PDB file of N, CA and C in Angstrom:
ATOM      1  N   MET A   1      -4.130  -2.912 -10.055  1.00  0.00           N
ATOM      2  CA  MET A   1      -4.738  -4.303  -9.720  1.00  0.00           C
ATOM      3  C   MET A   1      -5.472  -4.782 -10.862  1.00  0.00           C
ATOM      4  N   LYS A   2      -5.566  -5.949 -11.539  1.00  0.00           N
ATOM      5  CA  LYS A   2      -5.706  -6.665 -12.650  1.00  0.00           C
ATOM      6  C   LYS A   2      -6.939  -6.960 -12.346  1.00  0.00           C
ATOM      7  N   ILE A   3      -8.184  -6.537 -12.732  1.00  0.00           N
ATOM      8  CA  ILE A   3      -9.745  -7.232 -12.631  1.00  0.00           C
ATOM      9  C   ILE A   3      -9.757  -8.653 -14.131  1.00  0.00           C
ATOM     10  N   SER A   4      -9.981  -9.106 -13.712  1.00  0.00           N
ATOM     11  CA  SER A   4     -10.138 -10.854 -14.244  1.00  0.00           C
ATOM     12  C   SER A   4     -11.550 -10.266 -15.545  1.00  0.00           C
ATOM     13  N   PRO A   5     -11.666 -10.645 -16.745  1.00  0.00           N
ATOM     14  CA  PRO A   5     -12.182 -10.646 -17.903  1.00  0.00           C
ATOM     15  C   PRO A   5     -14.017 -11.111 -17.171  1.00  0.00           C
ATOM     16  N   GLU A   6     -14.121 -11.934 -16.044  1.00  0.00           N
ATOM     17  CA  GLU A   6     -15.661 -12.290 -15.728  1.00  0.00           C
ATOM     18  C   GLU A   6     -16.208 -11.201 -14.787  1.00  0.00           C
ATOM     19  N   HIS A   7     -15.289 -10.623 -14.082  1.00  0.00           N
ATOM     20  CA  HIS A   7     -15.699  -9.632 -13.418  1.00  0.00           C
ATOM     21  C   HIS A   7     -15.676  -8.012 -13.754  1.00  0.00           C
ATOM     22  N   ASP A   8     -15.094  -7.799 -14.970  1.00  0.00           N
ATOM     23  CA  ASP A   8     -14.958  -6.595 -15.689  1.00  0.00           C
ATOM     24  C   ASP A   8     -16.065  -6.130 -16.510  1.00  0.00           C
ATOM     25  N   PRO A   9     -16.629  -4.874 -15.684  1.00  0.00           N
ATOM     26  CA  PRO A   9     -17.990  -4.493 -15.965  1.00  0.00           C
ATOM     27  C   PRO A   9     -18.044  -3.868 -17.299  1.00  0.00           C
ATOM     28  N   SER A  10     -16.875  -3.362 -17.564  1.00  0.00           N
ATOM     29  CA  SER A  10     -16.227  -2.450 -19.075  1.00  0.00           C
ATOM     30  C   SER A  10     -16.644  -3.462 -20.561  1.00  0.00           C
ATOM     31  N   ALA A  11     -16.626  -4.831 -20.209  1.00  0.00           N
ATOM     32  CA  ALA A  11     -16.794  -5.729 -21.300  1.00  0.00           C
ATOM     33  C   ALA A  11     -17.650  -6.280 -21.059  1.00  0.00           C
ATOM     34  N   ALA A  12     -18.748  -6.037 -20.234  1.00  0.00           N
ATOM     35  CA  ALA A  12     -20.516  -6.873 -20.073  1.00  0.00           C
ATOM     36  C   ALA A  12     -21.395  -6.069 -21.412  1.00  0.00           C
ATOM     37  N   THR A  13     -22.239  -7.183 -21.516  1.00  0.00           N
ATOM     38  CA  THR A  13     -23.510  -7.286 -22.091  1.00  0.00           C
ATOM     39  C   THR A  13     -24.735  -6.545 -21.316  1.00  0.00           C
ATOM     40  N   TRP A  14     -24.907  -5.227 -21.706  1.00  0.00           N
ATOM     41  CA  TRP A  14     -26.251  -4.383 -20.635  1.00  0.00           C
ATOM     42  C   TRP A  14     -27.405  -5.105 -21.437  1.00  0.00           C
ATOM     43  N   HIS A  15     -28.555  -5.109 -20.474  1.00  0.00           N
ATOM     44  CA  HIS A  15     -30.014  -5.755 -20.787  1.00  0.00           C
ATOM     45  C   HIS A  15     -30.662  -4.486 -20.009  1.00  0.00           C
ATOM     46  N   LYS A  16     -31.905  -3.927 -20.327  1.00  0.00           N
ATOM     47  CA  LYS A  16     -33.146  -3.168 -19.653  1.00  0.00           C
ATOM     48  C   LYS A  16     -34.336  -4.150 -19.666  1.00  0.00           C
ATOM     49  N   SER A  17     -34.506  -3.990 -18.542  1.00  0.00           N
ATOM     50  CA  SER A  17     -36.020  -4.728 -18.204  1.00  0.00           C
ATOM     51  C   SER A  17     -36.838  -4.615 -19.472  1.00  0.00           C
ATOM     52  N   SER A  18     -37.571  -5.516 -19.845  1.00  0.00           N
ATOM     53  CA  SER A  18     -38.639  -5.361 -20.966  1.00  0.00           C
ATOM     54  C   SER A  18     -39.615  -4.624 -20.060  1.00  0.00           C
ATOM     55  N   TYR A  19     -39.785  -4.031 -19.042  1.00  0.00           N
ATOM     56  CA  TYR A  19     -41.076  -3.515 -18.411  1.00  0.00           C
ATOM     57  C   TYR A  19     -40.470  -1.728 -18.160  1.00  0.00           C
ATOM     58  N   SER A  20     -39.426  -1.398 -18.708  1.00  0.00           N
ATOM     59  CA  SER A  20     -39.075  -0.359 -19.137  1.00  0.00           C
ATOM     60  C   SER A  20     -39.617   0.234 -20.132  1.00  0.00           C
ATOM     61  N   GLY A  21     -40.485   1.007 -19.878  1.00  0.00           N
ATOM     62  CA  GLY A  21     -40.744   1.858 -21.330  1.00  0.00           C
ATOM     63  C   GLY A  21     -39.831   2.714 -22.142  1.00  0.00           C
ATOM     64  N   GLY A  22     -40.120   3.014 -23.134  1.00  0.00           N
ATOM     65  CA  GLY A  22     -39.060   3.675 -24.200  1.00  0.00           C
ATOM     66  C   GLY A  22     -39.325   5.196 -24.316  1.00  0.00           C
ATOM     67  N   ASP A  23     -40.180   5.759 -23.224  1.00  0.00           N
ATOM     68  CA  ASP A  23     -39.705   6.937 -22.513  1.00  0.00           C
ATOM     69  C   ASP A  23     -38.486   7.888 -21.767  1.00  0.00           C
ATOM     70  N   GLY A  24     -37.797   6.596 -21.937  1.00  0.00           N
ATOM     71  CA  GLY A  24     -36.281   7.400 -21.757  1.00  0.00           C
ATOM     72  C   GLY A  24     -36.502   7.495 -20.193  1.00  0.00           C
ATOM     73  N   GLY A  25     -37.031   6.993 -19.035  1.00  0.00           N
ATOM     74  CA  GLY A  25     -37.337   7.229 -17.881  1.00  0.00           C
ATOM     75  C   GLY A  25     -36.585   6.398 -16.878  1.00  0.00           C
ATOM     76  N   ASP A  26     -36.749   6.517 -15.884  1.00  0.00           N
ATOM     77  CA  ASP A  26     -35.227   5.845 -14.453  1.00  0.00           C
ATOM     78  C   ASP A  26     -35.588   4.376 -14.954  1.00  0.00           C
ATOM     79  N   CYS A  27     -34.081   3.941 -15.461  1.00  0.00           N
ATOM     80  CA  CYS A  27     -34.132   2.946 -15.279  1.00  0.00           C
ATOM     81  C   CYS A  27     -32.690   2.056 -15.397  1.00  0.00           C
ATOM     82  N   LEU A  28     -32.487   0.671 -14.926  1.00  0.00           N
ATOM     83  CA  LEU A  28     -31.207  -0.097 -14.172  1.00  0.00           C
ATOM     84  C   LEU A  28     -31.194  -0.805 -15.364  1.00  0.00           C
ATOM     85  N   GLU A  29     -29.657  -1.011 -16.296  1.00  0.00           N
ATOM     86  CA  GLU A  29     -29.362  -2.130 -16.681  1.00  0.00           C
ATOM     87  C   GLU A  29     -28.841  -3.154 -16.143  1.00  0.00           C
ATOM     88  N   VAL A  30     -29.077  -4.332 -16.205  1.00  0.00           N
ATOM     89  CA  VAL A  30     -27.804  -5.238 -15.697  1.00  0.00           C
ATOM     90  C   VAL A  30     -27.423  -5.988 -16.817  1.00  0.00           C
ATOM     91  N   ALA A  31     -26.013  -6.320 -16.414  1.00  0.00           N
ATOM     92  CA  ALA A  31     -25.001  -7.327 -17.225  1.00  0.00           C
ATOM     93  C   ALA A  31     -24.967  -8.118 -16.926  1.00  0.00           C
ATOM     94  N   SER A  32     -24.853  -9.297 -18.125  1.00  0.00           N
ATOM     95  CA  SER A  32     -25.072 -10.795 -17.896  1.00  0.00           C
ATOM     96  C   SER A  32     -23.651 -11.529 -18.169  1.00  0.00           C
ATOM     97  N   GLY A  33     -23.464 -12.735 -18.121  1.00  0.00           N
ATOM     98  CA  GLY A  33     -22.512 -13.662 -18.505  1.00  0.00           C
ATOM     99  C   GLY A  33     -21.214 -13.052 -16.916  1.00  0.00           C
ATOM    100  N   HIS A  34     -21.718 -12.530 -16.455  1.00  0.00           N
ATOM    101  CA  HIS A  34     -20.628 -12.988 -14.626  1.00  0.00           C
ATOM    102  C   HIS A  34     -21.469 -13.544 -13.552  1.00  0.00           C
ATOM    103  N   PRO A  35     -20.785 -15.247 -13.511  1.00  0.00           N
ATOM    104  CA  PRO A  35     -21.325 -15.962 -12.647  1.00  0.00           C
ATOM    105  C   PRO A  35     -21.540 -15.495 -11.268  1.00  0.00           C
ATOM    106  N   THR A  36     -20.483 -14.783 -10.697  1.00  0.00           N
ATOM    107  CA  THR A  36     -20.766 -14.858  -9.372  1.00  0.00           C
ATOM    108  C   THR A  36     -21.233 -13.256  -9.037  1.00  0.00           C
ATOM    109  N   LEU A  37     -21.246 -12.170  -9.413  1.00  0.00           N
ATOM    110  CA  LEU A  37     -21.439 -11.078  -9.837  1.00  0.00           C
ATOM    111  C   LEU A  37     -22.188 -10.450 -10.685  1.00  0.00           C
ATOM    112  N   ILE A  38     -23.005  -9.164  -9.972  1.00  0.00           N
ATOM    113  CA  ILE A  38     -24.420  -8.349 -11.051  1.00  0.00           C
ATOM    114  C   ILE A  38     -23.667  -7.137 -11.442  1.00  0.00           C
ATOM    115  N   PRO A  39     -23.330  -6.601 -12.206  1.00  0.00           N
ATOM    116  CA  PRO A  39     -22.994  -5.223 -12.594  1.00  0.00           C
ATOM    117  C   PRO A  39     -24.452  -5.076 -13.096  1.00  0.00           C
ATOM    118  N   VAL A  40     -24.751  -3.103 -12.322  1.00  0.00           N
ATOM    119  CA  VAL A  40     -26.083  -2.662 -12.278  1.00  0.00           C
ATOM    120  C   VAL A  40     -25.254  -1.303 -13.087  1.00  0.00           C
ATOM    121  N   ARG A  41     -25.688  -0.416 -13.558  1.00  0.00           N
ATOM    122  CA  ARG A  41     -25.565   0.510 -14.039  1.00  0.00           C
ATOM    123  C   ARG A  41     -26.817   1.317 -14.539  1.00  0.00           C
ATOM    124  N   ASP A  42     -26.758   2.850 -14.660  1.00  0.00           N
ATOM    125  CA  ASP A  42     -27.904   3.936 -14.854  1.00  0.00           C
ATOM    126  C   ASP A  42     -27.937   3.578 -16.471  1.00  0.00           C
ATOM    127  N   SER A  43     -29.120   3.399 -16.967  1.00  0.00           N
ATOM    128  CA  SER A  43     -29.460   3.074 -18.256  1.00  0.00           C
ATOM    129  C   SER A  43     -28.932   4.967 -19.205  1.00  0.00           C
ATOM    130  N   LYS A  44     -29.453   5.797 -18.427  1.00  0.00           N
ATOM    131  CA  LYS A  44     -29.117   7.385 -18.869  1.00  0.00           C
ATOM    132  C   LYS A  44     -27.666   7.385 -18.659  1.00  0.00           C
ATOM    133  N   ASN A  45     -27.119   7.210 -18.122  1.00  0.00           N
ATOM    134  CA  ASN A  45     -25.165   7.542 -17.952  1.00  0.00           C
ATOM    135  C   ASN A  45     -24.194   6.335 -17.773  1.00  0.00           C
ATOM    136  N   PRO A  46     -24.664   5.486 -19.442  1.00  0.00           N
ATOM    137  CA  PRO A  46     -23.695   4.311 -19.358  1.00  0.00           C
ATOM    138  C   PRO A  46     -22.579   4.339 -19.470  1.00  0.00           C
ATOM    139  N   LEU A  47     -21.669   5.485 -19.204  1.00  0.00           N
ATOM    140  CA  LEU A  47     -20.494   5.534 -18.974  1.00  0.00           C
ATOM    141  C   LEU A  47     -19.867   6.456 -17.612  1.00  0.00           C
ATOM    142  N   GLY A  48     -20.872   6.308 -16.679  1.00  0.00           N
ATOM    143  CA  GLY A  48     -21.035   6.490 -15.371  1.00  0.00           C
ATOM    144  C   GLY A  48     -20.704   5.373 -14.803  1.00  0.00           C
ATOM    145  N   PRO A  49     -20.569   5.636 -13.665  1.00  0.00           N
ATOM    146  CA  PRO A  49     -20.330   4.759 -12.396  1.00  0.00           C
ATOM    147  C   PRO A  49     -21.337   3.453 -12.637  1.00  0.00           C
ATOM    148  N   LYS A  50     -20.631   1.839 -12.143  1.00  0.00           N
ATOM    149  CA  LYS A  50     -20.904   1.019 -11.928  1.00  0.00           C
ATOM    150  C   LYS A  50     -21.669   0.382 -10.769  1.00  0.00           C
ATOM    151  N   LEU A  51     -22.726   0.050 -10.152  1.00  0.00           N
ATOM    152  CA  LEU A  51     -22.399  -0.503  -8.876  1.00  0.00           C
ATOM    153  C   LEU A  51     -22.827  -2.463  -9.285  1.00  0.00           C
ATOM    154  N   THR A  52     -21.753  -3.487  -8.622  1.00  0.00           N
ATOM    155  CA  THR A  52     -21.619  -4.666  -8.637  1.00  0.00           C
ATOM    156  C   THR A  52     -22.166  -5.290  -7.202  1.00  0.00           C
ATOM    157  N   PHE A  53     -23.118  -6.043  -7.371  1.00  0.00           N
ATOM    158  CA  PHE A  53     -23.651  -6.803  -6.330  1.00  0.00           C
ATOM    159  C   PHE A  53     -23.504  -8.136  -6.715  1.00  0.00           C
ATOM    160  N   ARG A  54     -22.925  -8.871  -5.302  1.00  0.00           N
ATOM    161  CA  ARG A  54     -22.896 -10.564  -5.256  1.00  0.00           C
ATOM    162  C   ARG A  54     -24.139 -11.113  -6.100  1.00  0.00           C
ATOM    163  N   ALA A  55     -24.084 -12.221  -6.155  1.00  0.00           N
ATOM    164  CA  ALA A  55     -25.175 -13.001  -7.157  1.00  0.00           C
ATOM    165  C   ALA A  55     -26.395 -12.818  -6.028  1.00  0.00           C
ATOM    166  N   GLU A  56     -25.852 -13.281  -5.125  1.00  0.00           N
ATOM    167  CA  GLU A  56     -27.375 -13.870  -3.975  1.00  0.00           C
ATOM    168  C   GLU A  56     -27.777 -12.511  -3.216  1.00  0.00           C
ATOM    169  N   ALA A  57     -27.300 -11.525  -3.027  1.00  0.00           N
ATOM    170  CA  ALA A  57     -27.833 -10.430  -2.806  1.00  0.00           C
ATOM    171  C   ALA A  57     -28.911  -9.824  -3.525  1.00  0.00           C
ATOM    172  N   TRP A  58     -28.129  -9.986  -4.880  1.00  0.00           N
ATOM    173  CA  TRP A  58     -29.303  -9.172  -6.362  1.00  0.00           C
ATOM    174  C   TRP A  58     -30.283  -9.790  -6.327  1.00  0.00           C
ATOM    175  N   PHE A  59     -29.962 -11.255  -6.713  1.00  0.00           N
ATOM    176  CA  PHE A  59     -31.380 -11.902  -6.411  1.00  0.00           C
ATOM    177  C   PHE A  59     -32.776 -11.882  -5.274  1.00  0.00           C
ATOM    178  N   ALA A  60     -32.073 -11.753  -4.126  1.00  0.00           N
ATOM    179  CA  ALA A  60     -32.737 -11.733  -2.617  1.00  0.00           C
ATOM    180  C   ALA A  60     -33.484 -10.025  -3.231  1.00  0.00           C
ATOM    181  N   PHE A  61     -33.214  -9.107  -3.919  1.00  0.00           N
ATOM    182  CA  PHE A  61     -33.571  -8.199  -3.793  1.00  0.00           C
ATOM    183  C   PHE A  61     -34.631  -8.122  -5.077  1.00  0.00           C
ATOM    184  N   VAL A  62     -33.913  -8.724  -6.168  1.00  0.00           N
ATOM    185  CA  VAL A  62     -35.204  -8.715  -7.048  1.00  0.00           C
ATOM    186  C   VAL A  62     -36.263  -9.499  -6.661  1.00  0.00           C
ATOM    187  N   GLU A  63     -36.102 -10.468  -5.655  1.00  0.00           N
ATOM    188  CA  GLU A  63     -37.173 -11.450  -5.479  1.00  0.00           C
ATOM    189  C   GLU A  63     -37.954 -10.469  -4.339  1.00  0.00           C
ATOM    190  N   GLY A  64     -37.576  -9.805  -3.637  1.00  0.00           N
ATOM    191  CA  GLY A  64     -37.938  -8.708  -2.719  1.00  0.00           C
ATOM    192  C   GLY A  64     -38.684  -7.618  -3.455  1.00  0.00           C
ATOM    193  N   VAL A  65     -38.470  -7.143  -4.729  1.00  0.00           N
ATOM    194  CA  VAL A  65     -39.566  -6.350  -5.468  1.00  0.00           C
ATOM    195  C   VAL A  65     -40.575  -6.862  -5.769  1.00  0.00           C
ATOM    196  N   LYS A  66     -40.263  -8.180  -6.474  1.00  0.00           N
ATOM    197  CA  LYS A  66     -41.648  -8.913  -6.991  1.00  0.00           C
ATOM    198  C   LYS A  66     -42.709  -9.069  -5.728  1.00  0.00           C
ATOM    199  N   ALA A  67     -42.328  -9.143  -4.762  1.00  0.00           N
ATOM    200  CA  ALA A  67     -43.099  -9.634  -3.603  1.00  0.00           C
ATOM    201  C   ALA A  67     -44.230  -8.665  -3.215  1.00  0.00           C
ATOM    202  N   GLN A  68     -43.375  -7.385  -3.605  1.00  0.00           N
ATOM    203  CA  GLN A  68     -44.442  -6.294  -3.307  1.00  0.00           C
ATOM    204  C   GLN A  68     -45.309  -6.118  -4.118  1.00  0.00           C
TER     205      GLN A  68
END
């Protein structure tokens, strides 16, 4: 199965939250540039597995975290 470039997390540009400290703690990285899917990975294991969420689900999760 061929993955289209817009859904390929290996071709992504990854970003860590500005709220993450520089101490190498537990952080997630999120890839930008994907219009309908949000790739997420563990910053300590960038070559490890990636999770991909539908954009609506990811944004709902982020809003839920902000509300806490």
